[in-house]
Amino acid sequence: MLFEVWAPHARAVALQLDDATQAMAPDPARPGWWRTAADAADGARYGFRLDGGPVRPDPRARRLPDGPGGLAAVADPAVHRWLHPWKGRGLPGAVLYELHVGTFTEAGTLDAAASRLPLLADLGISHVELMPLSPFPGRHGWGYDGVAPWAVHEPYGGPAALQRFVDAAHGAGLGVVLDVVHNHLGPSGNFLAEFGPYFTDRTRTPWGDAVNLDGPGSDEVRAYFAGSALALLRDHRLDGLRLDAVHALSDTRARHFLTELSASVDALAQATGRPLFLIAESDLNDPRTTAPRGAHGHGLHAQWNDDFHHCLHTALTGEDQGYYADFARAPLTALAGTCTRGFFHDGGWSTFRGRHHGAPLRPELPAARLVGYAQTHDQVGNRALGDRLAAGVDRSLLFCAAALVLCGPFTPMLFMGEEWGADTPWQYFTDHPDPELAAAVREGRRREFAAHGWEPGEVPDPQAPATRDRSVLRWPAHLPDDELWQWHRTLIALRGAHLPTGLTLGEVDASADEERGLLVVRSGSLVVAVNLSGAPATATLPPGRCELLAGHAADGEVAPPGADGVRLPARSVAVLRLTAE
């Protein structure tokens, strides 16, 4: 077996394999690389010594059985025998479902999560989106402080369990998307800086030094992160990746890292014959994120649309603090504009930022390149108490929100438990073994919310085991009997039957009546009309003949539309199809 490592500043490198030490030689073909061959069985522990220092795990380790800081283990991804042939499932027409492995079930493992996949397939979900799986300190955490992007968190089951999960998902007809973090690594167990210039102090992120994407040595750093992404897609047969906080990637090179990554993923898709895609989380509202590379864009296939969430959240809850302020002035009008333009902030003034923000998207942009949602791990977990919509709004409004997400123009995404209105909180939790780091996280969380009027004792302790335990989903005994679950199932089926996958932003119309609480959104021939107010009202429909496909009201029923529109009871929604002029 060939062992290799990039350590450009080392004078000597040795392989520590089980109990044996073996010197490595510089690779004459690749400056800065060291290599040696040795016999090694699957599971053998190994690491590298730089200039006689302590043994460190392989930066490209596929498995860290003892977690960050422990030795790597030899793991051959080709050992897995795939049970289900899979031709892939692309993003057009997708319905995403975001889940956190550690709280999706009480066991908190990939194998346990796989047992719930048939329910998601029956609901109509097309892709499961897993929150990050890279190894991180302790057992429980969100996963955004991982330190080994090539590996899988051992308490979840390690890399073999991820392959089993993906295999099971494909057997159920589900694609799998994995959330990956390229903008930083966690602070505990992170030894990359000892190996080479992986980080730079020229730019700071909220998590410390930025990843070195444009300084000396950045060719290898870019290859490291791109290589980990390609390995996950190839070796675990993933269908796509969600790229965390790409706005925190500092890259001044002529060809951006995201452009290189999207080109490499498209090439892998062509080589494997499977559609593969990248979804960005970006705070930039920059059309270049999803614009084709030939049009000087990054060529990513989609991006999360927080503007849509913020409009919808303020319309449902009335909240107007912090970054919700701009959206809360006229939330239904803001939501109508976001459905037709894609971004709310597309060059206008952002009060929260104190400057103008964003740029307009082109009308011919496929609406599916934006991901729309009412809840995500961020928008729930970054609240002080991790409270979901179901804990704070009338249940009938959850039916309205579901229709706007699932029958609206954007690629829809649900956050685990949303489909039945779970009211269990999803809170911020960590499990740092380092007491100083644990204390810093705890106090940082309290300071953050103290600025918003929260007393320290009111903010859950991220390190307390009870915080994670409160966040575990409590699954209903007979889920398919739940009315909200059935509503989601109906909406997903209607979306698949009536909403064209090639819909563009220019083919979306929307109108709002703030005073009466009415919003009507037409996406192709599919029309959603909601009344969020406490009084009945008649919503004017697009010109033509509309037939009622589904409806829900807090009290009473939604009747078929008449000549003047559709009569909506208080807190109700109608999903209709435009059949003719």
Protein backbone atom coordinates (compact mmCIF):
# COMPACT_ATOMS: atom_id res chain seq x y z
CA MET A 1 0.00 0.00 0.00
CA LEU A 2 1.24 3.47 -0.87
CA PHE A 3 1.21 6.10 1.90
CA GLU A 4 1.52 9.74 0.84
CA VAL A 5 1.39 13.09 2.59
CA TRP A 6 1.94 16.73 1.63
CA ALA A 7 4.34 18.38 4.10
CA PRO A 8 6.28 21.00 2.11
CA HIS A 9 8.18 22.51 5.06
CA ALA A 10 9.26 19.25 6.72
CA ARG A 11 12.88 18.14 6.57
CA ALA A 12 12.02 14.52 7.39
CA VAL A 13 8.75 12.56 7.50
CA ALA A 14 8.16 9.07 8.89
CA LEU A 15 5.21 6.73 8.68
CA GLN A 16 4.04 5.25 11.99
CA LEU A 17 2.14 2.07 11.10
CA ASP A 18 0.85 0.13 14.09
CA ASP A 19 4.04 -0.32 16.16
CA ALA A 20 6.54 0.20 13.34
CA THR A 21 8.20 3.40 12.13
CA GLN A 22 9.30 3.76 8.53
CA ALA A 23 11.08 6.69 6.87
CA MET A 24 9.37 8.32 3.91
CA ALA A 25 11.11 9.77 0.87
CA PRO A 26 10.38 12.96 -1.08
CA ASP A 27 8.30 12.36 -4.20
CA PRO A 28 10.49 13.47 -7.13
CA ALA A 29 7.43 14.19 -9.28
CA ARG A 30 5.53 16.33 -6.75
CA PRO A 31 7.38 18.95 -4.72
CA GLY A 32 6.43 18.92 -1.04
CA TRP A 33 5.03 15.38 -1.13
CA TRP A 34 6.44 12.40 0.77
CA ARG A 35 5.74 8.75 0.08
CA THR A 36 6.51 5.17 1.08
CA ALA A 37 5.05 1.71 0.50
CA ALA A 38 4.17 -0.70 3.31
CA ASP A 39 1.98 -3.75 3.89
CA ALA A 40 -1.17 -2.71 5.77
CA ALA A 41 -4.41 -4.52 6.46
CA ASP A 42 -7.82 -2.89 6.62
CA GLY A 43 -8.15 -1.20 9.99
CA ALA A 44 -4.41 -0.82 10.61
CA ARG A 45 -3.65 2.33 12.59
CA TYR A 46 -1.22 4.84 11.16
CA GLY A 47 -0.03 8.44 11.24
CA PHE A 48 2.91 10.62 10.27
CA ARG A 49 5.81 12.11 12.23
CA LEU A 50 7.11 15.43 10.97
CA ASP A 51 10.73 16.15 11.87
CA GLY A 52 10.62 13.69 14.76
CA GLY A 53 7.56 15.30 16.35
CA PRO A 54 4.43 13.60 17.68
CA VAL A 55 2.44 11.24 15.48
CA ARG A 56 -0.37 13.03 13.68
CA PRO A 57 -3.27 11.45 11.76
CA ASP A 58 -3.25 11.49 7.99
CA PRO A 59 -4.91 14.73 6.76
CA ARG A 60 -6.60 12.57 4.11
CA ALA A 61 -7.65 9.86 6.55
CA ARG A 62 -10.77 7.99 5.44
CA ARG A 63 -11.41 6.86 9.00
CA LEU A 64 -10.56 8.19 12.47
CA PRO A 65 -11.81 5.46 14.82
CA ASP A 66 -10.71 7.37 17.93
CA GLY A 67 -11.94 10.74 16.71
CA PRO A 68 -9.96 13.92 16.02
CA GLY A 69 -6.43 13.64 17.31
CA GLY A 70 -6.37 9.85 17.22
CA LEU A 71 -4.52 7.76 14.68
CA ALA A 72 -6.01 7.17 11.26
CA ALA A 73 -7.14 3.70 10.20
CA VAL A 74 -6.69 2.13 6.79
CA ALA A 75 -10.11 2.00 5.15
CA ASP A 76 -10.72 0.81 1.61
CA PRO A 77 -14.02 2.20 0.24
CA ALA A 78 -14.02 -0.48 -2.47
CA VAL A 79 -14.71 -3.19 0.14
CA HIS A 80 -18.42 -2.32 0.30
CA ARG A 81 -20.61 -4.51 -1.89
CA TRP A 82 -23.33 -2.27 -3.26
CA LEU A 83 -26.75 -3.91 -3.21
CA HIS A 84 -28.75 -1.43 -5.25
CA PRO A 85 -27.77 -0.29 -8.76
CA TRP A 86 -28.23 3.46 -9.01
CA LYS A 87 -28.35 5.65 -12.08
CA GLY A 88 -28.58 8.80 -10.02
CA ARG A 89 -31.25 11.38 -9.32
CA GLY A 90 -30.61 14.96 -10.37
CA LEU A 91 -31.75 18.21 -8.83
CA PRO A 92 -34.57 19.17 -11.25
CA GLY A 93 -37.86 18.17 -9.65
CA ALA A 94 -36.22 17.45 -6.30
CA VAL A 95 -37.83 17.70 -2.86
CA LEU A 96 -35.08 17.88 -0.21
CA TYR A 97 -35.24 16.77 3.42
CA GLU A 98 -32.57 18.07 5.79
CA LEU A 99 -31.72 15.83 8.72
CA HIS A 100 -29.16 15.64 11.49
CA VAL A 101 -28.04 12.06 12.04
CA GLY A 102 -27.38 12.52 15.76
CA THR A 103 -30.93 13.66 16.59
CA PHE A 104 -33.01 12.08 13.81
CA THR A 105 -33.32 9.02 16.05
CA GLU A 106 -32.58 8.36 19.71
CA ALA A 107 -29.69 6.07 18.73
CA GLY A 108 -28.17 8.87 16.65
CA THR A 109 -26.47 6.66 14.06
CA LEU A 110 -26.57 6.32 10.29
CA ASP A 111 -27.91 2.78 10.56
CA ALA A 112 -30.75 3.94 12.80
CA ALA A 113 -31.52 6.81 10.45
CA ALA A 114 -31.70 4.38 7.53
CA SER A 115 -34.61 2.60 9.21
CA ARG A 116 -36.75 5.74 8.72
CA LEU A 117 -36.02 6.11 5.00
CA PRO A 118 -39.14 4.23 3.80
CA LEU A 119 -41.32 6.84 5.55
CA LEU A 120 -39.54 9.63 3.69
CA ALA A 121 -39.90 7.81 0.38
CA ASP A 122 -43.62 7.32 1.04
CA LEU A 123 -43.95 11.03 1.80
CA GLY A 124 -42.55 11.82 -1.65
CA ILE A 125 -39.11 13.10 -0.67
CA SER A 126 -36.56 12.75 -3.47
CA HIS A 127 -33.29 13.53 -1.63
CA VAL A 128 -32.15 13.33 1.97
CA GLU A 129 -29.70 16.12 2.87
CA LEU A 130 -27.41 15.06 5.73
CA MET A 131 -25.81 17.65 7.96
CA PRO A 132 -21.99 17.40 8.14
CA LEU A 133 -20.45 14.03 8.99
CA SER A 134 -16.76 14.89 9.27
CA PRO A 135 -15.24 13.78 12.60
CA PHE A 136 -15.64 16.35 15.39
CA PRO A 137 -14.81 16.33 19.13
CA GLY A 138 -17.01 14.21 21.40
CA ARG A 139 -20.07 12.27 20.35
CA HIS A 140 -22.77 14.89 19.84
CA GLY A 141 -22.63 18.13 17.87
CA TRP A 142 -23.96 19.88 14.80
CA GLY A 143 -20.92 18.83 12.76
CA TYR A 144 -19.73 22.24 11.61
CA ASP A 145 -16.55 22.00 13.68
CA GLY A 146 -15.29 18.88 11.91
CA VAL A 147 -11.56 18.48 11.31
CA ALA A 148 -11.18 15.72 8.71
CA PRO A 149 -13.18 16.34 5.52
CA TRP A 150 -12.28 12.97 4.00
CA ALA A 151 -13.62 10.92 6.92
CA VAL A 152 -16.97 10.17 8.64
CA HIS A 153 -17.74 10.71 12.33
CA GLU A 154 -17.14 7.38 14.08
CA PRO A 155 -20.03 7.60 16.61
CA TYR A 156 -22.38 7.79 13.63
CA GLY A 157 -20.92 4.53 12.32
CA GLY A 158 -17.92 5.71 10.31
CA PRO A 159 -17.45 5.52 6.53
CA ALA A 160 -18.87 2.01 6.18
CA ALA A 161 -22.12 3.14 7.79
CA LEU A 162 -22.38 6.04 5.34
CA GLN A 163 -22.07 3.61 2.45
CA ARG A 164 -24.78 1.42 4.00
CA PHE A 165 -27.02 4.46 4.46
CA VAL A 166 -26.57 5.63 0.88
CA ASP A 167 -27.16 2.09 -0.39
CA ALA A 168 -30.39 1.86 1.62
CA ALA A 169 -31.51 5.29 0.44
CA HIS A 170 -30.92 4.36 -3.17
CA GLY A 171 -32.84 1.15 -2.60
CA ALA A 172 -35.77 3.28 -1.47
CA GLY A 173 -35.42 5.54 -4.51
CA LEU A 174 -33.90 8.41 -2.55
CA GLY A 175 -30.84 10.44 -3.48
CA VAL A 176 -28.41 11.57 -0.77
CA VAL A 177 -26.87 15.02 -0.38
CA LEU A 178 -24.14 15.73 2.19
CA ASP A 179 -23.42 19.08 3.81
CA VAL A 180 -19.66 19.77 3.67
CA VAL A 181 -17.60 22.56 5.21
CA HIS A 182 -14.71 24.03 3.21
CA ASN A 183 -14.52 27.50 4.79
CA HIS A 184 -12.93 26.42 8.10
CA LEU A 185 -12.09 23.44 10.28
CA GLY A 186 -12.86 22.97 13.96
CA PRO A 187 -10.32 24.04 16.59
CA SER A 188 -9.97 20.73 18.45
CA GLY A 189 -7.91 17.97 16.84
CA ASN A 190 -7.01 20.12 13.87
CA PHE A 191 -3.34 19.54 12.94
CA LEU A 192 -3.42 20.69 9.33
CA ALA A 193 -1.30 23.78 10.01
CA GLU A 194 1.55 21.50 11.15
CA PHE A 195 1.60 19.84 7.73
CA GLY A 196 1.53 22.89 5.50
CA PRO A 197 0.05 26.33 4.73
CA TYR A 198 -3.58 25.23 4.87
CA PHE A 199 -4.64 28.47 6.58
CA THR A 200 -3.86 32.16 6.24
CA ASP A 201 -4.07 35.06 8.67
CA ARG A 202 -4.55 37.52 5.81
CA THR A 203 -8.28 36.96 6.17
CA ARG A 204 -10.31 36.11 9.25
CA THR A 205 -13.60 34.25 9.45
CA PRO A 206 -16.03 33.97 12.40
CA TRP A 207 -14.23 30.71 13.16
CA GLY A 208 -10.62 31.93 12.99
CA ASP A 209 -8.01 32.00 10.22
CA ALA A 210 -9.36 31.50 6.72
CA VAL A 211 -8.52 28.54 4.53
CA ASN A 212 -5.61 29.43 2.24
CA LEU A 213 -7.24 29.40 -1.20
CA ASP A 214 -5.13 32.07 -2.88
CA GLY A 215 -1.74 32.40 -1.17
CA PRO A 216 1.53 30.48 -1.56
CA GLY A 217 0.84 26.75 -1.45
CA SER A 218 -2.84 27.23 -2.24
CA ASP A 219 -2.77 24.90 -5.25
CA GLU A 220 -2.42 21.93 -2.89
CA VAL A 221 -4.91 23.35 -0.39
CA ARG A 222 -7.53 23.73 -3.10
CA ALA A 223 -6.78 20.20 -4.30
CA TYR A 224 -7.18 18.93 -0.73
CA PHE A 225 -10.71 20.26 -0.30
CA ALA A 226 -11.82 19.55 -3.86
CA GLY A 227 -10.37 16.06 -3.57
CA SER A 228 -12.34 15.37 -0.41
CA ALA A 229 -15.56 16.45 -2.13
CA LEU A 230 -14.91 14.25 -5.15
CA ALA A 231 -13.98 11.29 -2.94
CA LEU A 232 -17.27 11.57 -1.04
CA LEU A 233 -19.27 11.73 -4.25
CA ARG A 234 -17.35 8.89 -5.88
CA ASP A 235 -16.66 6.44 -3.06
CA HIS A 236 -19.93 6.86 -1.16
CA ARG A 237 -22.07 7.31 -4.28
CA LEU A 238 -23.55 10.54 -3.01
CA ASP A 239 -25.78 12.47 -5.39
CA GLY A 240 -24.83 15.98 -4.35
CA LEU A 241 -23.13 18.22 -1.82
CA ARG A 242 -24.37 21.24 0.09
CA LEU A 243 -21.48 23.71 0.50
CA ASP A 244 -21.57 25.52 3.83
CA ALA A 245 -21.19 29.32 3.94
CA VAL A 246 -19.38 29.82 0.64
CA HIS A 247 -19.39 33.58 1.30
CA ALA A 248 -16.65 32.85 3.87
CA LEU A 249 -14.34 31.42 1.19
CA SER A 250 -11.72 34.11 0.63
CA ASP A 251 -10.33 33.65 -2.87
CA THR A 252 -8.80 36.39 -4.99
CA ARG A 253 -7.50 34.15 -7.75
CA ALA A 254 -8.72 34.66 -11.30
CA ARG A 255 -10.51 31.30 -11.26
CA HIS A 256 -12.46 30.94 -8.03
CA PHE A 257 -12.30 27.72 -6.00
CA LEU A 258 -16.04 27.21 -6.51
CA THR A 259 -15.61 27.43 -10.28
CA GLU A 260 -12.89 24.77 -10.19
CA LEU A 261 -14.95 22.58 -7.89
CA SER A 262 -18.09 22.75 -10.02
CA ALA A 263 -16.07 21.91 -13.14
CA SER A 264 -14.54 18.89 -11.38
CA VAL A 265 -17.93 17.68 -10.16
CA ASP A 266 -19.44 18.03 -13.63
CA ALA A 267 -16.51 16.03 -15.02
CA LEU A 268 -17.06 13.31 -12.42
CA ALA A 269 -20.76 13.20 -13.29
CA GLN A 270 -19.86 12.64 -16.93
CA ALA A 271 -17.31 9.96 -16.02
CA THR A 272 -19.70 8.06 -13.73
CA GLY A 273 -22.82 8.54 -15.81
CA ARG A 274 -24.69 9.85 -12.76
CA PRO A 275 -26.10 13.37 -12.35
CA LEU A 276 -24.22 15.16 -9.54
CA PHE A 277 -24.87 18.62 -8.16
CA LEU A 278 -23.66 21.28 -5.76
CA ILE A 279 -25.91 23.49 -3.61
CA ALA A 280 -24.36 26.56 -2.02
CA GLU A 281 -25.21 28.34 1.17
CA SER A 282 -24.37 31.95 0.35
CA ASP A 283 -25.13 35.23 2.07
CA LEU A 284 -23.99 37.27 -0.92
CA ASN A 285 -27.16 37.27 -3.08
CA ASP A 286 -24.75 37.11 -5.99
CA PRO A 287 -26.11 35.85 -9.35
CA ARG A 288 -22.62 34.56 -10.19
CA THR A 289 -23.06 31.75 -7.66
CA THR A 290 -25.39 29.78 -9.93
CA ALA A 291 -24.56 31.40 -13.28
CA PRO A 292 -22.90 29.04 -15.79
CA ARG A 293 -19.12 29.02 -15.91
CA GLY A 294 -19.32 30.05 -19.57
CA ALA A 295 -21.08 33.22 -18.44
CA HIS A 296 -18.34 33.95 -15.87
CA GLY A 297 -20.33 32.36 -13.04
CA HIS A 298 -19.27 29.68 -10.58
CA GLY A 299 -21.52 27.07 -12.18
CA LEU A 300 -23.07 25.78 -8.95
CA HIS A 301 -26.35 24.05 -9.51
CA ALA A 302 -28.42 25.77 -6.80
CA GLN A 303 -28.22 27.87 -3.65
CA TRP A 304 -30.20 28.23 -0.44
CA ASN A 305 -32.52 31.25 -0.47
CA ASP A 306 -32.67 32.76 3.00
CA ASP A 307 -34.61 35.75 1.66
CA PHE A 308 -37.58 33.48 0.95
CA HIS A 309 -37.37 32.06 4.47
CA HIS A 310 -37.15 35.49 6.10
CA CYS A 311 -40.19 36.81 4.22
CA LEU A 312 -42.22 33.72 5.07
CA HIS A 313 -41.11 33.66 8.70
CA THR A 314 -42.05 37.27 9.33
CA ALA A 315 -45.40 36.79 7.60
CA LEU A 316 -46.20 33.80 9.82
CA THR A 317 -44.80 35.05 13.14
CA GLY A 318 -44.77 38.85 13.00
CA GLU A 319 -41.17 38.89 14.26
CA ASP A 320 -39.19 41.94 13.23
CA GLN A 321 -35.95 41.83 15.22
CA GLY A 322 -32.44 41.75 13.76
CA TYR A 323 -32.22 40.78 10.11
CA TYR A 324 -35.98 40.23 9.96
CA ALA A 325 -36.59 44.02 10.10
CA ASP A 326 -36.42 44.70 6.35
CA PHE A 327 -38.73 41.77 5.54
CA ALA A 328 -41.25 42.53 8.29
CA ARG A 329 -42.28 45.98 7.00
CA ALA A 330 -44.59 44.36 4.43
CA PRO A 331 -43.89 40.63 4.62
CA LEU A 332 -46.47 39.41 2.10
CA THR A 333 -45.37 42.01 -0.45
CA ALA A 334 -41.76 41.02 0.21
CA LEU A 335 -42.68 37.36 -0.25
CA ALA A 336 -44.48 38.06 -3.52
CA GLY A 337 -41.46 39.96 -4.82
CA THR A 338 -39.04 37.25 -3.73
CA CYS A 339 -41.08 34.55 -5.48
CA THR A 340 -40.87 36.45 -8.77
CA ARG A 341 -37.37 37.94 -8.53
CA GLY A 342 -35.62 35.23 -6.51
CA PHE A 343 -33.90 37.62 -4.09
CA PHE A 344 -35.50 40.25 -1.87
CA HIS A 345 -32.13 41.99 -1.45
CA ASP A 346 -31.12 42.37 -5.08
CA GLY A 347 -29.26 45.66 -4.87
CA GLY A 348 -31.42 47.62 -2.45
CA TRP A 349 -30.68 48.88 1.04
CA SER A 350 -30.16 46.30 3.81
CA THR A 351 -30.86 47.81 7.23
CA PHE A 352 -29.22 44.93 9.05
CA ARG A 353 -26.00 45.34 7.06
CA GLY A 354 -26.10 49.13 6.87
CA ARG A 355 -25.43 49.08 3.12
CA HIS A 356 -26.86 48.08 -0.24
CA HIS A 357 -26.80 44.34 -0.81
CA GLY A 358 -27.14 41.80 -3.62
CA ALA A 359 -27.76 42.00 -7.34
CA PRO A 360 -30.72 41.03 -9.55
CA LEU A 361 -31.17 37.55 -10.94
CA ARG A 362 -32.08 37.17 -14.60
CA PRO A 363 -35.73 36.28 -15.41
CA GLU A 364 -34.58 33.27 -17.44
CA LEU A 365 -32.91 31.69 -14.40
CA PRO A 366 -34.55 28.33 -13.60
CA ALA A 367 -36.44 28.84 -10.34
CA ALA A 368 -35.25 25.42 -9.18
CA ARG A 369 -31.74 26.85 -8.77
CA LEU A 370 -33.00 28.48 -5.57
CA VAL A 371 -33.89 26.30 -2.57
CA GLY A 372 -36.93 27.49 -0.60
CA TYR A 373 -37.84 26.50 2.95
CA ALA A 374 -39.82 27.52 6.02
CA GLN A 375 -37.33 25.99 8.48
CA THR A 376 -33.70 24.79 8.46
CA HIS A 377 -31.18 23.74 11.08
CA ASP A 378 -29.83 27.31 11.03
CA GLN A 379 -33.11 29.13 11.33
CA VAL A 380 -34.32 26.88 14.17
CA GLY A 381 -31.09 26.01 15.98
CA ASN A 382 -29.71 29.53 16.02
CA ARG A 383 -32.68 30.79 17.99
CA ALA A 384 -32.01 31.06 21.73
CA LEU A 385 -34.34 28.17 22.60
CA GLY A 386 -34.20 26.32 19.29
CA ASP A 387 -37.97 26.65 18.94
CA ARG A 388 -39.64 25.50 15.75
CA LEU A 389 -42.53 27.20 13.96
CA ALA A 390 -44.93 24.66 15.46
CA ALA A 391 -44.12 25.92 18.95
CA GLY A 392 -45.09 29.50 18.19
CA VAL A 393 -47.77 29.74 15.49
CA ASP A 394 -51.29 28.42 15.02
CA ARG A 395 -51.13 24.92 13.53
CA SER A 396 -53.27 25.99 10.57
CA LEU A 397 -50.45 28.33 9.48
CA LEU A 398 -48.16 25.32 9.12
CA PHE A 399 -50.47 24.10 6.34
CA CYS A 400 -50.13 27.50 4.64
CA ALA A 401 -46.34 27.46 4.96
CA ALA A 402 -46.11 23.93 3.55
CA ALA A 403 -48.10 24.91 0.46
CA LEU A 404 -45.95 27.96 -0.23
CA VAL A 405 -42.78 25.87 0.07
CA LEU A 406 -43.87 22.67 -1.67
CA CYS A 407 -46.03 24.20 -4.41
CA GLY A 408 -44.01 27.38 -4.85
CA PRO A 409 -41.45 28.04 -7.60
CA PHE A 410 -38.23 27.05 -5.80
CA THR A 411 -36.73 23.64 -5.06
CA PRO A 412 -38.41 22.86 -1.73
CA MET A 413 -36.66 21.64 1.40
CA LEU A 414 -38.10 20.44 4.71
CA PHE A 415 -36.30 20.25 8.04
CA MET A 416 -36.71 16.92 9.81
CA GLY A 417 -40.00 16.68 11.72
CA GLU A 418 -41.51 19.66 9.93
CA GLU A 419 -43.75 17.32 7.95
CA TRP A 420 -45.83 16.47 11.01
CA GLY A 421 -45.36 19.74 12.88
CA ALA A 422 -42.84 18.49 15.44
CA ASP A 423 -42.66 20.89 18.36
CA THR A 424 -39.57 19.42 19.97
CA PRO A 425 -36.88 22.12 19.98
CA TRP A 426 -33.70 21.77 17.99
CA GLN A 427 -31.05 23.50 20.04
CA TYR A 428 -27.37 24.26 19.71
CA PHE A 429 -25.34 21.51 21.38
CA THR A 430 -21.68 20.51 21.58
CA ASP A 431 -19.62 17.84 23.31
CA HIS A 432 -16.12 19.33 23.54
CA PRO A 433 -13.82 17.24 25.76
CA ASP A 434 -11.50 20.24 26.18
CA PRO A 435 -12.83 22.08 29.26
CA GLU A 436 -11.48 25.46 28.13
CA LEU A 437 -13.12 25.15 24.72
CA ALA A 438 -16.35 23.94 26.32
CA ALA A 439 -16.41 26.95 28.63
CA ALA A 440 -15.68 29.33 25.74
CA VAL A 441 -18.56 27.91 23.69
CA ARG A 442 -20.94 28.09 26.65
CA GLU A 443 -20.06 31.68 27.52
CA GLY A 444 -20.04 32.77 23.88
CA ARG A 445 -23.57 31.49 23.42
CA ARG A 446 -24.77 33.32 26.52
CA ARG A 447 -23.10 36.59 25.46
CA GLU A 448 -24.63 36.36 22.01
CA PHE A 449 -28.18 36.22 23.34
CA ALA A 450 -27.58 38.54 26.28
CA ALA A 451 -27.32 41.27 23.64
CA HIS A 452 -30.92 40.45 22.70
CA GLY A 453 -32.24 40.57 26.26
CA TRP A 454 -31.90 36.92 27.28
CA GLU A 455 -30.76 36.10 30.81
CA PRO A 456 -27.81 33.64 30.94
CA GLY A 457 -29.88 31.00 32.71
CA GLU A 458 -32.52 31.08 29.98
CA VAL A 459 -30.10 30.02 27.22
CA PRO A 460 -29.58 26.24 27.09
CA ASP A 461 -26.04 25.10 27.92
CA PRO A 462 -24.61 23.66 24.67
CA GLN A 463 -22.42 21.25 26.65
CA ALA A 464 -25.24 19.82 28.78
CA PRO A 465 -26.31 16.32 27.58
CA ALA A 466 -29.92 17.38 28.17
CA THR A 467 -29.63 19.99 25.41
CA ARG A 468 -28.97 17.32 22.82
CA ASP A 469 -31.56 15.00 24.35
CA ARG A 470 -34.27 17.68 24.09
CA SER A 471 -33.42 18.04 20.41
CA VAL A 472 -34.04 14.39 19.49
CA LEU A 473 -37.13 13.91 17.34
CA ARG A 474 -40.08 12.29 19.08
CA TRP A 475 -41.67 10.31 16.28
CA PRO A 476 -45.48 9.85 16.34
CA ALA A 477 -46.65 6.27 16.75
CA HIS A 478 -48.81 6.35 13.60
CA LEU A 479 -47.25 9.03 11.43
CA PRO A 480 -49.25 8.39 8.20
CA ASP A 481 -52.44 9.10 10.17
CA ASP A 482 -51.30 12.65 10.94
CA GLU A 483 -53.27 15.28 8.99
CA LEU A 484 -50.28 17.57 8.44
CA TRP A 485 -48.14 14.66 7.26
CA GLN A 486 -50.84 13.71 4.75
CA TRP A 487 -51.04 17.35 3.64
CA HIS A 488 -47.31 17.36 2.88
CA ARG A 489 -47.71 14.10 0.97
CA THR A 490 -50.54 15.58 -1.08
CA LEU A 491 -48.63 18.76 -1.86
CA ILE A 492 -45.51 16.90 -2.99
CA ALA A 493 -47.64 14.79 -5.33
CA LEU A 494 -49.34 17.90 -6.73
CA ARG A 495 -45.97 19.55 -7.29
CA GLY A 496 -44.73 16.54 -9.22
CA ALA A 497 -47.87 16.40 -11.35
CA HIS A 498 -48.36 20.07 -12.18
CA LEU A 499 -45.19 22.13 -11.72
CA PRO A 500 -42.77 22.06 -14.68
CA THR A 501 -39.15 21.34 -13.74
CA GLY A 502 -37.88 23.95 -16.20
CA LEU A 503 -39.90 26.83 -14.72
CA THR A 504 -38.04 30.16 -14.85
CA LEU A 505 -38.36 33.17 -12.56
CA GLY A 506 -39.98 35.07 -15.43
CA GLU A 507 -42.80 32.51 -15.48
CA VAL A 508 -43.77 33.19 -11.85
CA ASP A 509 -46.43 35.73 -10.88
CA ALA A 510 -47.40 36.81 -7.37
CA SER A 511 -49.63 39.40 -5.73
CA ALA A 512 -50.14 40.40 -2.11
CA ASP A 513 -52.75 42.23 -0.07
CA GLU A 514 -51.13 43.18 3.24
CA GLU A 515 -54.31 44.60 4.76
CA ARG A 516 -56.35 41.44 4.24
CA GLY A 517 -53.46 38.99 4.73
CA LEU A 518 -53.72 37.53 1.23
CA LEU A 519 -50.99 36.16 -1.02
CA VAL A 520 -51.39 34.46 -4.40
CA VAL A 521 -48.42 32.83 -6.15
CA ARG A 522 -48.64 31.30 -9.63
CA SER A 523 -45.81 28.99 -10.67
CA GLY A 524 -46.61 27.87 -14.18
CA SER A 525 -50.14 26.49 -13.95
CA LEU A 526 -49.93 25.79 -10.20
CA VAL A 527 -51.50 28.48 -8.01
CA VAL A 528 -51.23 28.83 -4.22
CA ALA A 529 -53.58 31.26 -2.45
CA VAL A 530 -53.22 31.83 1.29
CA ASN A 531 -55.12 33.87 3.84
CA LEU A 532 -52.94 34.38 6.91
CA SER A 533 -55.42 36.69 8.64
CA GLY A 534 -58.05 35.89 11.23
CA ALA A 535 -60.96 36.87 8.97
CA PRO A 536 -62.40 35.37 5.76
CA ALA A 537 -61.41 37.04 2.50
CA THR A 538 -61.68 36.47 -1.22
CA ALA A 539 -58.43 36.19 -3.16
CA THR A 540 -58.32 37.28 -6.79
CA LEU A 541 -56.88 34.55 -9.00
CA PRO A 542 -54.84 34.82 -12.22
CA PRO A 543 -56.88 35.23 -15.41
CA GLY A 544 -58.34 31.97 -16.68
CA ARG A 545 -60.20 29.02 -15.25
CA CYS A 546 -58.88 27.55 -12.00
CA GLU A 547 -59.79 24.23 -10.44
CA LEU A 548 -59.28 23.50 -6.75
CA LEU A 549 -56.78 20.70 -6.15
CA ALA A 550 -56.47 20.86 -2.35
CA GLY A 551 -57.33 23.16 0.50
CA HIS A 552 -57.11 23.52 4.27
CA ALA A 553 -58.69 25.94 6.72
CA ALA A 554 -58.50 26.45 10.47
CA ASP A 555 -62.31 26.28 10.56
CA GLY A 556 -64.62 25.18 7.78
CA GLU A 557 -63.60 24.21 4.26
CA VAL A 558 -62.13 25.86 1.20
CA ALA A 559 -64.74 25.91 -1.55
CA PRO A 560 -64.03 25.76 -5.30
CA PRO A 561 -63.33 29.18 -6.82
CA GLY A 562 -66.01 31.39 -8.28
CA ALA A 563 -66.06 34.20 -10.79
CA ASP A 564 -64.64 36.67 -8.25
CA GLY A 565 -61.85 34.39 -7.02
CA VAL A 566 -61.49 31.88 -4.22
CA ARG A 567 -63.17 32.45 -0.88
CA LEU A 568 -60.65 31.72 1.85
CA PRO A 569 -61.67 31.23 5.48
CA ALA A 570 -59.41 32.61 8.20
CA ARG A 571 -55.89 31.06 8.23
CA SER A 572 -56.47 28.94 5.16
CA VAL A 573 -54.83 27.90 1.92
CA ALA A 574 -55.98 26.74 -1.48
CA VAL A 575 -53.87 24.98 -4.10
CA LEU A 576 -55.34 25.33 -7.57
CA ARG A 577 -54.53 24.57 -11.19
CA LEU A 578 -54.94 27.12 -13.94
CA THR A 579 -56.53 25.16 -16.77
CA ALA A 580 -57.41 27.72 -19.48
CA GLU A 581 -57.82 31.40 -20.31
